[in-house]
């Protein structure tokens, strides 16, 4: 049986307040990951953080510690950024287990909808990927 690509949103998906303790627990591995990938401190401006059934999806804008947009200069992504193929976004899918929140998949600077197949690929609820357009 094929699922409709635009099925109704799961009412169990909730937006997580970025200032909440729950968000802090979800964001900690994401911040550690993006900081390690870029090799420098990064702030994440949360644009959407939704959770359901032990899954969470974060869609954010990367920023310098002073809240200015991320500068890829000096990072492993500098050449791609200079060629205009990176956004300043960071997205990640996380799953909660007995150890806490663990990253399942992620993208630094996606220029497309890199997460489009993550729900089906990993069994995450589709509703968490319903993000606002900025």
Foldseek 3Di string as FASTA:
>chain_A
DDDDLDDDADPQKDWDDCVDPLVVLQCVVVQVVVCVQFVHHWDWAWQTWIDGDQKIKTKTFIADPVRHGDQSPPGPCNVVVVVVQFARIKMFMWGQDPVGIDTPDIDGRHPDPVCSCVCVVPVNGPNNSDGDDD
